[in-house]
């Protein structure tokens, strides 16, 4: 996870910020629309929509864009999307999980398979790598929310399972089924979180060197550039030295 997070930072620095932001807003809008279609169009009555809206806000997505995405769920001519998960291995044997929202299953499967193949990876069957991950909720707070002890105490009281505090932020993990309850309890004590989202957290890491890491980054970048792909998770682990080599390359 840490390695993947650093990969994303490298990709964003190397890409045009406006293009990256535009694609991010497009994916956030799609998730909001799908969430609103699957339940009530009111975030207070729809947990998935509430998460989608909160994440859009954390990325500074304008309120008008968020409301348009919600309103789009009520249009009869809107696309019907379905959730699909792909699993496979990237360069160096790194496990990769891809979450997509698509209105054309065949197109998305073909695109994802091609990306894996061109990047030296292998697309597997559903379940081929997900057993190496745990489905959890991730709640992120900025450093100014409190020191590590304060965050830990609040997390324990809220029913969270783990906390990772770094020089950049506090990340709190909880059971996927309790993400709404835990995030609400934390908000009452710490205020609004930077982000609240479900994710696939690896149970173990796969170490790779700079050479394999560079190939993996190309795979991740190509996947995240695909319009149908919403999220990508890996269990990659790299040394700071090797990540620095990729960043400079």
C-alpha atoms as a PDB file:
ATOM      1  CA  UNK A   1       0.000   0.000   0.000  1.00  0.00           C
ATOM      2  CA  UNK A   2       2.728   2.451   0.923  1.00  0.00           C
ATOM      3  CA  UNK A   3       4.610   1.694  -2.272  1.00  0.00           C
ATOM      4  CA  UNK A   4       1.481   2.056  -4.364  1.00  0.00           C
ATOM      5  CA  UNK A   5       0.679   5.370  -2.718  1.00  0.00           C
ATOM      6  CA  UNK A   6       4.149   6.657  -3.568  1.00  0.00           C
ATOM      7  CA  UNK A   7       3.741   5.371  -7.141  1.00  0.00           C
ATOM      8  CA  UNK A   8       0.559   7.441  -7.489  1.00  0.00           C
ATOM      9  CA  UNK A   9       2.383  10.540  -6.271  1.00  0.00           C
ATOM     10  CA  UNK A  10       5.086   9.969  -8.887  1.00  0.00           C
ATOM     11  CA  UNK A  11       2.523   9.494 -11.652  1.00  0.00           C
ATOM     12  CA  UNK A  12       0.687  12.666 -10.681  1.00  0.00           C
ATOM     13  CA  UNK A  13       3.901  14.687 -10.677  1.00  0.00           C
ATOM     14  CA  UNK A  14       4.850  13.401 -14.105  1.00  0.00           C
ATOM     15  CA  UNK A  15       1.376  13.910 -15.589  1.00  0.00           C
ATOM     16  CA  UNK A  16      -0.383  17.157 -16.379  1.00  0.00           C
ATOM     17  CA  UNK A  17      -2.218  18.152 -13.211  1.00  0.00           C
ATOM     18  CA  UNK A  18      -5.284  19.455 -15.059  1.00  0.00           C
ATOM     19  CA  UNK A  19      -5.664  16.218 -17.015  1.00  0.00           C
ATOM     20  CA  UNK A  20      -5.222  14.127 -13.877  1.00  0.00           C
ATOM     21  CA  UNK A  21      -7.809  16.204 -12.027  1.00  0.00           C
ATOM     22  CA  UNK A  22     -10.316  16.047 -14.877  1.00  0.00           C
ATOM     23  CA  UNK A  23     -10.120  12.259 -15.029  1.00  0.00           C
ATOM     24  CA  UNK A  24     -10.428  12.020 -11.242  1.00  0.00           C
ATOM     25  CA  UNK A  25     -13.577  14.172 -11.245  1.00  0.00           C
ATOM     26  CA  UNK A  26     -15.046  12.015 -14.005  1.00  0.00           C
ATOM     27  CA  UNK A  27     -14.538   8.849 -11.957  1.00  0.00           C
ATOM     28  CA  UNK A  28     -15.881  10.451  -8.791  1.00  0.00           C
ATOM     29  CA  UNK A  29     -18.971  11.620 -10.694  1.00  0.00           C
ATOM     30  CA  UNK A  30     -19.590   8.116 -12.017  1.00  0.00           C
ATOM     31  CA  UNK A  31     -19.411   6.630  -8.518  1.00  0.00           C
ATOM     32  CA  UNK A  32     -21.819   9.287  -7.189  1.00  0.00           C
ATOM     33  CA  UNK A  33     -24.323   8.614  -9.981  1.00  0.00           C
ATOM     34  CA  UNK A  34     -24.184   4.845  -9.502  1.00  0.00           C
ATOM     35  CA  UNK A  35     -24.546   5.183  -5.731  1.00  0.00           C
ATOM     36  CA  UNK A  36     -27.535   7.508  -6.134  1.00  0.00           C
ATOM     37  CA  UNK A  37     -29.190   5.072  -8.565  1.00  0.00           C
ATOM     38  CA  UNK A  38     -28.741   2.135  -6.195  1.00  0.00           C
ATOM     39  CA  UNK A  39     -30.455   3.868  -3.265  1.00  0.00           C
ATOM     40  CA  UNK A  40     -31.939   7.138  -2.133  1.00  0.00           C
ATOM     41  CA  UNK A  41     -30.514  10.307  -3.767  1.00  0.00           C
ATOM     42  CA  UNK A  42     -30.007  11.710  -0.248  1.00  0.00           C
ATOM     43  CA  UNK A  43     -26.493  11.096   1.176  1.00  0.00           C
ATOM     44  CA  UNK A  44     -27.943  10.963   4.711  1.00  0.00           C
ATOM     45  CA  UNK A  45     -30.113   8.001   3.700  1.00  0.00           C
ATOM     46  CA  UNK A  46     -27.638   6.272   1.390  1.00  0.00           C
ATOM     47  CA  UNK A  47     -24.291   5.122   2.918  1.00  0.00           C
ATOM     48  CA  UNK A  48     -22.601   4.442  -0.428  1.00  0.00           C
ATOM     49  CA  UNK A  49     -23.638   7.844  -1.758  1.00  0.00           C
ATOM     50  CA  UNK A  50     -22.465   9.521   1.449  1.00  0.00           C
ATOM     51  CA  UNK A  51     -19.021   7.956   1.038  1.00  0.00           C
ATOM     52  CA  UNK A  52     -18.875   8.960  -2.628  1.00  0.00           C
ATOM     53  CA  UNK A  53     -19.863  12.564  -1.883  1.00  0.00           C
ATOM     54  CA  UNK A  54     -17.417  12.833   1.021  1.00  0.00           C
ATOM     55  CA  UNK A  55     -14.568  11.572  -1.148  1.00  0.00           C
ATOM     56  CA  UNK A  56     -15.504  14.007  -3.911  1.00  0.00           C
ATOM     57  CA  UNK A  57     -15.429  16.856  -1.409  1.00  0.00           C
ATOM     58  CA  UNK A  58     -12.044  15.724  -0.097  1.00  0.00           C
ATOM     59  CA  UNK A  59     -10.723  16.114  -3.658  1.00  0.00           C
ATOM     60  CA  UNK A  60     -12.161  19.662  -3.866  1.00  0.00           C
ATOM     61  CA  UNK A  61     -14.785  18.669  -6.415  1.00  0.00           C
ATOM     62  CA  UNK A  62     -17.195  21.636  -6.858  1.00  0.00           C
ATOM     63  CA  UNK A  63     -20.643  21.327  -5.265  1.00  0.00           C
ATOM     64  CA  UNK A  64     -22.320  21.892  -8.645  1.00  0.00           C
ATOM     65  CA  UNK A  65     -20.473  18.898 -10.117  1.00  0.00           C
ATOM     66  CA  UNK A  66     -21.537  16.723  -7.198  1.00  0.00           C
ATOM     67  CA  UNK A  67     -25.191  17.751  -7.511  1.00  0.00           C
ATOM     68  CA  UNK A  68     -25.176  17.185 -11.286  1.00  0.00           C
ATOM     69  CA  UNK A  69     -23.838  13.686 -10.712  1.00  0.00           C
ATOM     70  CA  UNK A  70     -26.637  12.975  -8.211  1.00  0.00           C
ATOM     71  CA  UNK A  71     -29.280  14.435 -10.543  1.00  0.00           C
ATOM     72  CA  UNK A  72     -28.015  12.291 -13.409  1.00  0.00           C
ATOM     73  CA  UNK A  73     -29.212   9.209 -11.523  1.00  0.00           C
ATOM     74  CA  UNK A  74     -32.796  10.334 -12.091  1.00  0.00           C
ATOM     75  CA  UNK A  75     -32.512  10.614 -15.875  1.00  0.00           C
ATOM     76  CA  UNK A  76     -34.038   7.769 -17.875  1.00  0.00           C
ATOM     77  CA  UNK A  77     -31.411   7.994 -20.612  1.00  0.00           C
ATOM     78  CA  UNK A  78     -28.443   7.584 -18.236  1.00  0.00           C
ATOM     79  CA  UNK A  79     -26.062   4.665 -18.589  1.00  0.00           C
ATOM     80  CA  UNK A  80     -26.511   1.570 -16.431  1.00  0.00           C
ATOM     81  CA  UNK A  81     -23.201   0.718 -14.795  1.00  0.00           C
ATOM     82  CA  UNK A  82     -22.207  -2.453 -12.979  1.00  0.00           C
ATOM     83  CA  UNK A  83     -19.430  -3.124 -10.496  1.00  0.00           C
ATOM     84  CA  UNK A  84     -16.768  -5.561 -11.704  1.00  0.00           C
ATOM     85  CA  UNK A  85     -13.574  -6.693  -9.979  1.00  0.00           C
ATOM     86  CA  UNK A  86     -10.523  -7.996 -11.844  1.00  0.00           C
ATOM     87  CA  UNK A  87      -7.562  -9.709 -10.242  1.00  0.00           C
ATOM     88  CA  UNK A  88      -4.116 -10.590 -11.501  1.00  0.00           C
ATOM     89  CA  UNK A  89      -0.377 -10.345 -11.080  1.00  0.00           C
ATOM     90  CA  UNK A  90       1.890  -7.528 -12.167  1.00  0.00           C
ATOM     91  CA  UNK A  91       5.656  -7.532 -12.807  1.00  0.00           C
ATOM     92  CA  UNK A  92       7.598  -9.195 -10.019  1.00  0.00           C
ATOM     93  CA  UNK A  93       4.584 -11.251  -8.939  1.00  0.00           C
ATOM     94  CA  UNK A  94       2.849  -8.281  -7.301  1.00  0.00           C
ATOM     95  CA  UNK A  95      -0.848  -8.929  -6.649  1.00  0.00           C
ATOM     96  CA  UNK A  96      -3.217  -6.427  -8.289  1.00  0.00           C
ATOM     97  CA  UNK A  97      -6.940  -5.840  -7.718  1.00  0.00           C
ATOM     98  CA  UNK A  98      -8.852  -3.630 -10.157  1.00  0.00           C
ATOM     99  CA  UNK A  99     -12.313  -2.230  -9.423  1.00  0.00           C
ATOM    100  CA  UNK A 100     -14.310  -0.978 -12.396  1.00  0.00           C
ATOM    101  CA  UNK A 101     -17.685   0.597 -13.121  1.00  0.00           C
ATOM    102  CA  UNK A 102     -18.752  -0.190 -16.663  1.00  0.00           C
ATOM    103  CA  UNK A 103     -21.699  -0.105 -19.025  1.00  0.00           C
ATOM    104  CA  UNK A 104     -19.960  -2.597 -21.338  1.00  0.00           C
ATOM    105  CA  UNK A 105     -18.466  -5.627 -19.601  1.00  0.00           C
ATOM    106  CA  UNK A 106     -16.796  -6.977 -22.770  1.00  0.00           C
ATOM    107  CA  UNK A 107     -15.043  -3.683 -23.535  1.00  0.00           C
ATOM    108  CA  UNK A 108     -13.711  -3.287 -20.022  1.00  0.00           C
ATOM    109  CA  UNK A 109     -12.519  -6.901 -19.746  1.00  0.00           C
ATOM    110  CA  UNK A 110     -10.709  -6.597 -23.076  1.00  0.00           C
ATOM    111  CA  UNK A 111      -9.052  -3.310 -22.093  1.00  0.00           C
ATOM    112  CA  UNK A 112      -7.915  -4.571 -18.689  1.00  0.00           C
ATOM    113  CA  UNK A 113      -6.574  -7.815 -20.144  1.00  0.00           C
ATOM    114  CA  UNK A 114      -4.642  -5.898 -22.811  1.00  0.00           C
ATOM    115  CA  UNK A 115      -3.138  -3.526 -20.235  1.00  0.00           C
ATOM    116  CA  UNK A 116      -1.961  -6.435 -18.080  1.00  0.00           C
ATOM    117  CA  UNK A 117      -0.446  -8.187 -21.099  1.00  0.00           C
ATOM    118  CA  UNK A 118       1.382  -5.144 -22.452  1.00  0.00           C
ATOM    119  CA  UNK A 119       2.832  -4.347 -19.035  1.00  0.00           C
ATOM    120  CA  UNK A 120       4.231  -7.789 -18.295  1.00  0.00           C
ATOM    121  CA  UNK A 121       1.361  -8.819 -16.022  1.00  0.00           C
ATOM    122  CA  UNK A 122      -1.160 -11.638 -16.076  1.00  0.00           C
ATOM    123  CA  UNK A 123      -4.901 -11.280 -15.559  1.00  0.00           C
ATOM    124  CA  UNK A 124      -6.305 -14.096 -13.433  1.00  0.00           C
ATOM    125  CA  UNK A 125      -9.694 -15.371 -12.339  1.00  0.00           C
ATOM    126  CA  UNK A 126     -11.832 -13.723  -9.654  1.00  0.00           C
ATOM    127  CA  UNK A 127     -10.426 -14.809  -6.312  1.00  0.00           C
ATOM    128  CA  UNK A 128      -6.935 -15.466  -7.646  1.00  0.00           C
ATOM    129  CA  UNK A 129      -5.352 -12.723  -5.495  1.00  0.00           C
ATOM    130  CA  UNK A 130      -8.116 -11.250  -3.301  1.00  0.00           C
ATOM    131  CA  UNK A 131      -7.427 -13.907  -0.654  1.00  0.00           C
ATOM    132  CA  UNK A 132      -4.188 -11.994   0.012  1.00  0.00           C
ATOM    133  CA  UNK A 133      -6.150  -8.847   0.900  1.00  0.00           C
ATOM    134  CA  UNK A 134      -8.718  -7.824   3.477  1.00  0.00           C
ATOM    135  CA  UNK A 135     -11.737  -5.663   2.662  1.00  0.00           C
ATOM    136  CA  UNK A 136     -11.635  -2.804   5.188  1.00  0.00           C
ATOM    137  CA  UNK A 137     -12.705   0.773   5.733  1.00  0.00           C
ATOM    138  CA  UNK A 138     -10.045   3.492   5.641  1.00  0.00           C
ATOM    139  CA  UNK A 139     -10.583   6.819   7.392  1.00  0.00           C
ATOM    140  CA  UNK A 140      -7.919   9.478   6.911  1.00  0.00           C
ATOM    141  CA  UNK A 141      -7.279  12.553   9.049  1.00  0.00           C
ATOM    142  CA  UNK A 142      -4.732  15.370   8.608  1.00  0.00           C
ATOM    143  CA  UNK A 143      -1.947  15.768  11.178  1.00  0.00           C
ATOM    144  CA  UNK A 144      -3.606  18.806  12.721  1.00  0.00           C
ATOM    145  CA  UNK A 145      -6.519  16.613  13.874  1.00  0.00           C
ATOM    146  CA  UNK A 146      -4.363  15.586  16.849  1.00  0.00           C
ATOM    147  CA  UNK A 147      -1.225  13.775  17.928  1.00  0.00           C
ATOM    148  CA  UNK A 148      -0.816  10.019  17.512  1.00  0.00           C
ATOM    149  CA  UNK A 149      -2.033   9.233  21.038  1.00  0.00           C
ATOM    150  CA  UNK A 150      -5.160  11.359  20.629  1.00  0.00           C
ATOM    151  CA  UNK A 151      -6.017   9.706  17.319  1.00  0.00           C
ATOM    152  CA  UNK A 152      -5.366   6.238  18.723  1.00  0.00           C
ATOM    153  CA  UNK A 153      -7.627   6.844  21.718  1.00  0.00           C
ATOM    154  CA  UNK A 154     -10.414   8.195  19.518  1.00  0.00           C
ATOM    155  CA  UNK A 155     -10.060   5.257  17.126  1.00  0.00           C
ATOM    156  CA  UNK A 156     -10.265   2.682  19.913  1.00  0.00           C
ATOM    157  CA  UNK A 157     -13.349   4.343  21.397  1.00  0.00           C
ATOM    158  CA  UNK A 158     -14.979   4.424  17.929  1.00  0.00           C
ATOM    159  CA  UNK A 159     -14.417   0.698  17.403  1.00  0.00           C
ATOM    160  CA  UNK A 160     -11.621   0.894  14.835  1.00  0.00           C
ATOM    161  CA  UNK A 161      -9.101  -1.924  14.398  1.00  0.00           C
ATOM    162  CA  UNK A 162      -5.819  -0.161  13.634  1.00  0.00           C
ATOM    163  CA  UNK A 163      -4.149   3.242  13.249  1.00  0.00           C
ATOM    164  CA  UNK A 164      -1.091   4.220  11.201  1.00  0.00           C
ATOM    165  CA  UNK A 165       0.288   7.697  11.910  1.00  0.00           C
ATOM    166  CA  UNK A 166       2.990   9.104   9.611  1.00  0.00           C
ATOM    167  CA  UNK A 167       4.609  12.451   8.937  1.00  0.00           C
ATOM    168  CA  UNK A 168       1.834  13.163   6.426  1.00  0.00           C
ATOM    169  CA  UNK A 169      -1.447  11.956   7.977  1.00  0.00           C
ATOM    170  CA  UNK A 170      -3.305   9.608  10.315  1.00  0.00           C
ATOM    171  CA  UNK A 171      -4.910   6.549   8.687  1.00  0.00           C
ATOM    172  CA  UNK A 172      -7.513   4.601  10.656  1.00  0.00           C
ATOM    173  CA  UNK A 173      -8.700   1.134   9.609  1.00  0.00           C
ATOM    174  CA  UNK A 174     -11.936  -0.554  10.601  1.00  0.00           C
ATOM    175  CA  UNK A 175     -14.112  -3.472   9.520  1.00  0.00           C
ATOM    176  CA  UNK A 176     -15.714  -2.813   6.137  1.00  0.00           C
ATOM    177  CA  UNK A 177     -19.197  -3.394   7.571  1.00  0.00           C
ATOM    178  CA  UNK A 178     -18.613  -0.779  10.291  1.00  0.00           C
ATOM    179  CA  UNK A 179     -17.191   2.027   8.173  1.00  0.00           C
ATOM    180  CA  UNK A 180     -20.275   4.225   8.561  1.00  0.00           C
ATOM    181  CA  UNK A 181     -20.589   3.712  12.312  1.00  0.00           C
ATOM    182  CA  UNK A 182     -16.880   4.211  13.025  1.00  0.00           C
ATOM    183  CA  UNK A 183     -16.500   7.276  10.787  1.00  0.00           C
ATOM    184  CA  UNK A 184     -19.536   8.909  12.418  1.00  0.00           C
ATOM    185  CA  UNK A 185     -18.134   8.287  15.908  1.00  0.00           C
ATOM    186  CA  UNK A 186     -14.740   9.706  14.901  1.00  0.00           C
ATOM    187  CA  UNK A 187     -16.323  12.780  13.329  1.00  0.00           C
ATOM    188  CA  UNK A 188     -18.040  13.589  16.634  1.00  0.00           C
ATOM    189  CA  UNK A 189     -14.616  13.726  18.337  1.00  0.00           C
ATOM    190  CA  UNK A 190     -12.117  14.722  15.637  1.00  0.00           C
ATOM    191  CA  UNK A 191     -14.256  16.556  13.111  1.00  0.00           C
ATOM    192  CA  UNK A 192     -14.694  15.726   9.435  1.00  0.00           C
ATOM    193  CA  UNK A 193     -12.203  13.262   7.982  1.00  0.00           C
ATOM    194  CA  UNK A 194     -10.060  13.970   4.918  1.00  0.00           C
ATOM    195  CA  UNK A 195     -11.479  10.835   3.300  1.00  0.00           C
ATOM    196  CA  UNK A 196     -13.608   7.825   4.172  1.00  0.00           C
ATOM    197  CA  UNK A 197     -13.562   4.881   1.799  1.00  0.00           C
ATOM    198  CA  UNK A 198     -13.564   1.101   1.509  1.00  0.00           C
ATOM    199  CA  UNK A 199     -10.433  -0.528   0.139  1.00  0.00           C
ATOM    200  CA  UNK A 200      -8.493  -3.761  -0.253  1.00  0.00           C
ATOM    201  CA  UNK A 201      -5.681  -3.835   2.322  1.00  0.00           C
ATOM    202  CA  UNK A 202      -2.924  -6.423   1.678  1.00  0.00           C
ATOM    203  CA  UNK A 203      -2.226  -8.993   4.384  1.00  0.00           C
ATOM    204  CA  UNK A 204       1.388  -9.298   3.217  1.00  0.00           C
ATOM    205  CA  UNK A 205       3.712  -7.419   0.866  1.00  0.00           C
ATOM    206  CA  UNK A 206       5.587  -8.466  -2.269  1.00  0.00           C
ATOM    207  CA  UNK A 207       9.001  -6.761  -2.526  1.00  0.00           C
ATOM    208  CA  UNK A 208      10.273  -5.651  -5.948  1.00  0.00           C
ATOM    209  CA  UNK A 209      13.331  -3.738  -7.155  1.00  0.00           C
ATOM    210  CA  UNK A 210      13.443  -0.529  -9.194  1.00  0.00           C
ATOM    211  CA  UNK A 211      13.400  -2.368 -12.537  1.00  0.00           C
ATOM    212  CA  UNK A 212      10.266  -4.376 -11.762  1.00  0.00           C
ATOM    213  CA  UNK A 213       8.839  -1.384  -9.930  1.00  0.00           C
ATOM    214  CA  UNK A 214       9.115   0.799 -13.033  1.00  0.00           C
ATOM    215  CA  UNK A 215       7.252  -1.822 -15.070  1.00  0.00           C
ATOM    216  CA  UNK A 216       4.620  -2.086 -12.360  1.00  0.00           C
ATOM    217  CA  UNK A 217       4.169   1.674 -12.329  1.00  0.00           C
ATOM    218  CA  UNK A 218       3.472   1.607 -16.061  1.00  0.00           C
ATOM    219  CA  UNK A 219       0.833  -1.069 -15.454  1.00  0.00           C
ATOM    220  CA  UNK A 220      -0.811   0.924 -12.660  1.00  0.00           C
ATOM    221  CA  UNK A 221      -0.717   4.149 -14.672  1.00  0.00           C
ATOM    222  CA  UNK A 222      -2.343   2.482 -17.681  1.00  0.00           C
ATOM    223  CA  UNK A 223      -5.057   0.924 -15.518  1.00  0.00           C
ATOM    224  CA  UNK A 224      -5.858   4.154 -13.708  1.00  0.00           C
ATOM    225  CA  UNK A 225      -5.959   6.003 -17.043  1.00  0.00           C
ATOM    226  CA  UNK A 226      -8.755   3.727 -18.274  1.00  0.00           C
ATOM    227  CA  UNK A 227     -12.139   5.439 -18.008  1.00  0.00           C
ATOM    228  CA  UNK A 228     -13.867   2.330 -16.647  1.00  0.00           C
ATOM    229  CA  UNK A 229     -11.360   1.675 -13.859  1.00  0.00           C
ATOM    230  CA  UNK A 230     -12.256   3.258 -10.514  1.00  0.00           C
ATOM    231  CA  UNK A 231      -9.623   1.902  -8.112  1.00  0.00           C
ATOM    232  CA  UNK A 232      -6.432  -0.167  -8.246  1.00  0.00           C
ATOM    233  CA  UNK A 233      -4.812  -1.900  -5.273  1.00  0.00           C
ATOM    234  CA  UNK A 234      -1.531  -3.791  -4.964  1.00  0.00           C
ATOM    235  CA  UNK A 235       0.605  -5.461  -2.300  1.00  0.00           C
ATOM    236  CA  UNK A 236       3.847  -3.974  -3.625  1.00  0.00           C
ATOM    237  CA  UNK A 237       6.723  -3.113  -1.299  1.00  0.00           C
ATOM    238  CA  UNK A 238       9.742  -1.108  -2.384  1.00  0.00           C
ATOM    239  CA  UNK A 239      12.675   0.529  -0.661  1.00  0.00           C
ATOM    240  CA  UNK A 240      12.816   4.326  -0.565  1.00  0.00           C
ATOM    241  CA  UNK A 241      16.005   4.108  -2.644  1.00  0.00           C
ATOM    242  CA  UNK A 242      14.314   2.160  -5.446  1.00  0.00           C
ATOM    243  CA  UNK A 243      11.266   4.459  -5.415  1.00  0.00           C
ATOM    244  CA  UNK A 244      13.626   7.445  -5.695  1.00  0.00           C
ATOM    245  CA  UNK A 245      15.254   5.829  -8.766  1.00  0.00           C
ATOM    246  CA  UNK A 246      11.849   5.488 -10.441  1.00  0.00           C
ATOM    247  CA  UNK A 247      10.925   9.084  -9.554  1.00  0.00           C
ATOM    248  CA  UNK A 248      14.161  10.368 -11.098  1.00  0.00           C
ATOM    249  CA  UNK A 249      13.914   8.180 -14.167  1.00  0.00           C
END
